[in-house]
Amino acid sequence: MSATARTLPDGFADLEPYVADWARSTRQERYEVRLSKTIDELADFYDAIAKRDEQAIGYLDELDLNDLPEDATRLLQLLYSMILVSYPVNVFLQPRIPDSGAAFFDMVAEPAI
């Protein structure tokens, strides 16, 4: 991606650095990224997105969820990722669920978009 290439809607350029890692289409992909990051990296991402979540939701509310442009879909995926890292950042204080060992709950339901 070139320095001028944009992958998010107008007004969300400050979130561009997070697209490559966090704009993932499935929960499983987002979870794998979460586990690959340090808690500091998760906190940096969470803090950046949380500052803009109301604006992002407001922007997306104006669009047809069933016909989102690609840039809006990536913005929605960043919000999904923010939700996925909220507990690790605010509660667990680590990427994995505490005391879960090798256990993993495989979720089969995905958001519609």
C-alpha atoms as a PDB file:
ATOM      1  CA  MET A   1       0.000   0.000   0.000  1.00  0.00           C
ATOM      2  CA  SER A   2       1.472   3.353  -0.947  1.00  0.00           C
ATOM      3  CA  ALA A   3       1.706   6.253   1.463  1.00  0.00           C
ATOM      4  CA  THR A   4      -1.307   7.891  -0.199  1.00  0.00           C
ATOM      5  CA  ALA A   5      -3.467   4.788  -0.584  1.00  0.00           C
ATOM      6  CA  ARG A   6      -6.549   4.858   1.616  1.00  0.00           C
ATOM      7  CA  THR A   7      -8.580   1.877   2.642  1.00  0.00           C
ATOM      8  CA  LEU A   8     -11.075   3.557   5.000  1.00  0.00           C
ATOM      9  CA  PRO A   9     -13.808   6.147   4.418  1.00  0.00           C
ATOM     10  CA  ASP A  10     -13.013   9.865   4.443  1.00  0.00           C
ATOM     11  CA  GLY A  11     -12.437  11.145   7.941  1.00  0.00           C
ATOM     12  CA  PHE A  12     -10.901   7.954   9.317  1.00  0.00           C
ATOM     13  CA  ALA A  13      -7.330   8.275   8.011  1.00  0.00           C
ATOM     14  CA  ASP A  14      -5.956   8.133  11.566  1.00  0.00           C
ATOM     15  CA  LEU A  15      -7.120   4.494  11.754  1.00  0.00           C
ATOM     16  CA  GLU A  16      -5.314   3.421   8.558  1.00  0.00           C
ATOM     17  CA  PRO A  17      -2.293   1.988  10.454  1.00  0.00           C
ATOM     18  CA  TYR A  18      -4.570  -0.654  11.978  1.00  0.00           C
ATOM     19  CA  VAL A  19      -6.259  -1.909   8.806  1.00  0.00           C
ATOM     20  CA  ALA A  20      -3.632  -4.469   7.770  1.00  0.00           C
ATOM     21  CA  ASP A  21      -3.714  -6.260  11.122  1.00  0.00           C
ATOM     22  CA  TRP A  22      -7.257  -5.737  12.333  1.00  0.00           C
ATOM     23  CA  ALA A  23      -9.670  -5.417   9.379  1.00  0.00           C
ATOM     24  CA  ARG A  24     -10.294  -9.166   9.244  1.00  0.00           C
ATOM     25  CA  SER A  25     -13.425 -10.784   7.894  1.00  0.00           C
ATOM     26  CA  THR A  26     -13.864 -13.529  10.502  1.00  0.00           C
ATOM     27  CA  ARG A  27     -13.820 -13.714  14.264  1.00  0.00           C
ATOM     28  CA  GLN A  28     -11.258 -16.506  14.073  1.00  0.00           C
ATOM     29  CA  GLU A  29      -8.853 -14.290  12.102  1.00  0.00           C
ATOM     30  CA  ARG A  30      -9.371 -11.442  14.575  1.00  0.00           C
ATOM     31  CA  TYR A  31      -8.792 -13.795  17.506  1.00  0.00           C
ATOM     32  CA  GLU A  32      -5.552 -15.093  15.977  1.00  0.00           C
ATOM     33  CA  VAL A  33      -4.313 -11.518  15.598  1.00  0.00           C
ATOM     34  CA  ARG A  34      -5.287 -10.816  19.210  1.00  0.00           C
ATOM     35  CA  LEU A  35      -3.222 -13.768  20.415  1.00  0.00           C
ATOM     36  CA  SER A  36      -0.236 -12.666  18.311  1.00  0.00           C
ATOM     37  CA  LYS A  37      -0.072  -9.215  19.926  1.00  0.00           C
ATOM     38  CA  THR A  38       1.270  -8.009  23.249  1.00  0.00           C
ATOM     39  CA  ILE A  39      -1.123  -6.392  25.700  1.00  0.00           C
ATOM     40  CA  ASP A  40       0.526  -3.032  24.937  1.00  0.00           C
ATOM     41  CA  GLU A  41      -0.177  -3.473  21.216  1.00  0.00           C
ATOM     42  CA  LEU A  42      -3.774  -4.418  21.994  1.00  0.00           C
ATOM     43  CA  ALA A  43      -4.145  -1.370  24.229  1.00  0.00           C
ATOM     44  CA  ASP A  44      -2.722   0.951  21.554  1.00  0.00           C
ATOM     45  CA  PHE A  45      -5.196  -0.411  19.011  1.00  0.00           C
ATOM     46  CA  TYR A  46      -8.123  -0.312  21.442  1.00  0.00           C
ATOM     47  CA  ASP A  47      -7.380   3.260  22.527  1.00  0.00           C
ATOM     48  CA  ALA A  48      -7.133   4.484  18.936  1.00  0.00           C
ATOM     49  CA  ILE A  49     -10.391   2.859  17.841  1.00  0.00           C
ATOM     50  CA  ALA A  50     -12.329   3.596  21.042  1.00  0.00           C
ATOM     51  CA  LYS A  51     -11.727   7.331  20.535  1.00  0.00           C
ATOM     52  CA  ARG A  52     -13.479   7.074  17.181  1.00  0.00           C
ATOM     53  CA  ASP A  53     -16.103   4.394  17.788  1.00  0.00           C
ATOM     54  CA  GLU A  54     -19.097   6.751  18.047  1.00  0.00           C
ATOM     55  CA  GLN A  55     -18.110   8.527  14.816  1.00  0.00           C
ATOM     56  CA  ALA A  56     -17.580   5.197  13.065  1.00  0.00           C
ATOM     57  CA  ILE A  57     -20.951   3.881  14.235  1.00  0.00           C
ATOM     58  CA  GLY A  58     -22.627   7.123  13.179  1.00  0.00           C
ATOM     59  CA  TYR A  59     -21.028   6.881   9.746  1.00  0.00           C
ATOM     60  CA  LEU A  60     -22.013   3.236   9.310  1.00  0.00           C
ATOM     61  CA  ASP A  61     -25.580   3.871  10.522  1.00  0.00           C
ATOM     62  CA  GLU A  62     -26.119   6.027   7.437  1.00  0.00           C
ATOM     63  CA  LEU A  63     -25.326   3.114   5.099  1.00  0.00           C
ATOM     64  CA  ASP A  64     -27.210  -0.013   4.054  1.00  0.00           C
ATOM     65  CA  LEU A  65     -25.620  -2.821   6.068  1.00  0.00           C
ATOM     66  CA  ASN A  66     -26.388  -5.273   3.267  1.00  0.00           C
ATOM     67  CA  ASP A  67     -24.591  -3.152   0.661  1.00  0.00           C
ATOM     68  CA  LEU A  68     -21.553  -1.668   2.393  1.00  0.00           C
ATOM     69  CA  PRO A  69     -18.720  -0.352   0.242  1.00  0.00           C
ATOM     70  CA  GLU A  70     -15.351  -2.022   0.861  1.00  0.00           C
ATOM     71  CA  ASP A  71     -13.955   0.930   2.827  1.00  0.00           C
ATOM     72  CA  ALA A  72     -16.981   0.922   5.155  1.00  0.00           C
ATOM     73  CA  THR A  73     -16.721  -2.853   5.576  1.00  0.00           C
ATOM     74  CA  ARG A  74     -13.120  -2.429   6.750  1.00  0.00           C
ATOM     75  CA  LEU A  75     -14.250   0.238   9.220  1.00  0.00           C
ATOM     76  CA  LEU A  76     -16.895  -2.161  10.555  1.00  0.00           C
ATOM     77  CA  GLN A  77     -14.267  -4.890  10.853  1.00  0.00           C
ATOM     78  CA  LEU A  78     -12.096  -2.542  12.925  1.00  0.00           C
ATOM     79  CA  LEU A  79     -15.051  -2.064  15.271  1.00  0.00           C
ATOM     80  CA  TYR A  80     -15.495  -5.835  15.520  1.00  0.00           C
ATOM     81  CA  SER A  81     -11.799  -6.124  16.402  1.00  0.00           C
ATOM     82  CA  MET A  82     -12.129  -3.390  19.023  1.00  0.00           C
ATOM     83  CA  ILE A  83     -14.898  -5.410  20.667  1.00  0.00           C
ATOM     84  CA  LEU A  84     -12.742  -8.542  20.565  1.00  0.00           C
ATOM     85  CA  VAL A  85      -9.849  -6.836  22.366  1.00  0.00           C
ATOM     86  CA  SER A  86     -11.963  -4.910  24.886  1.00  0.00           C
ATOM     87  CA  TYR A  87     -11.925  -7.642  27.547  1.00  0.00           C
ATOM     88  CA  PRO A  88      -8.206  -8.397  27.221  1.00  0.00           C
ATOM     89  CA  VAL A  89      -7.397  -4.687  27.518  1.00  0.00           C
ATOM     90  CA  ASN A  90      -9.893  -3.708  30.217  1.00  0.00           C
ATOM     91  CA  VAL A  91     -10.374  -6.894  32.249  1.00  0.00           C
ATOM     92  CA  PHE A  92      -7.849  -9.686  31.590  1.00  0.00           C
ATOM     93  CA  LEU A  93      -4.820  -7.413  31.086  1.00  0.00           C
ATOM     94  CA  GLN A  94      -3.370 -10.049  28.762  1.00  0.00           C
ATOM     95  CA  PRO A  95      -4.232 -11.313  25.251  1.00  0.00           C
ATOM     96  CA  ARG A  96      -5.451 -14.757  26.380  1.00  0.00           C
ATOM     97  CA  ILE A  97      -8.274 -15.521  28.765  1.00  0.00           C
ATOM     98  CA  PRO A  98      -6.616 -16.015  32.181  1.00  0.00           C
ATOM     99  CA  ASP A  99      -6.216 -19.565  33.444  1.00  0.00           C
ATOM    100  CA  SER A 100      -7.581 -21.048  30.224  1.00  0.00           C
ATOM    101  CA  GLY A 101      -4.484 -23.108  29.441  1.00  0.00           C
ATOM    102  CA  ALA A 102      -4.789 -24.699  26.017  1.00  0.00           C
ATOM    103  CA  ALA A 103      -8.596 -24.576  26.076  1.00  0.00           C
ATOM    104  CA  PHE A 104     -10.290 -22.819  23.200  1.00  0.00           C
ATOM    105  CA  PHE A 105     -13.949 -22.212  22.445  1.00  0.00           C
ATOM    106  CA  ASP A 106     -14.477 -22.481  18.704  1.00  0.00           C
ATOM    107  CA  MET A 107     -17.282 -20.113  17.731  1.00  0.00           C
ATOM    108  CA  VAL A 108     -19.170 -20.888  14.556  1.00  0.00           C
ATOM    109  CA  ALA A 109     -21.518 -17.877  14.413  1.00  0.00           C
ATOM    110  CA  GLU A 110     -20.284 -14.776  12.606  1.00  0.00           C
ATOM    111  CA  PRO A 111     -21.750 -11.297  12.198  1.00  0.00           C
ATOM    112  CA  ALA A 112     -23.786 -10.849   9.028  1.00  0.00           C
ATOM    113  CA  ILE A 113     -21.169  -8.497   7.584  1.00  0.00           C
END
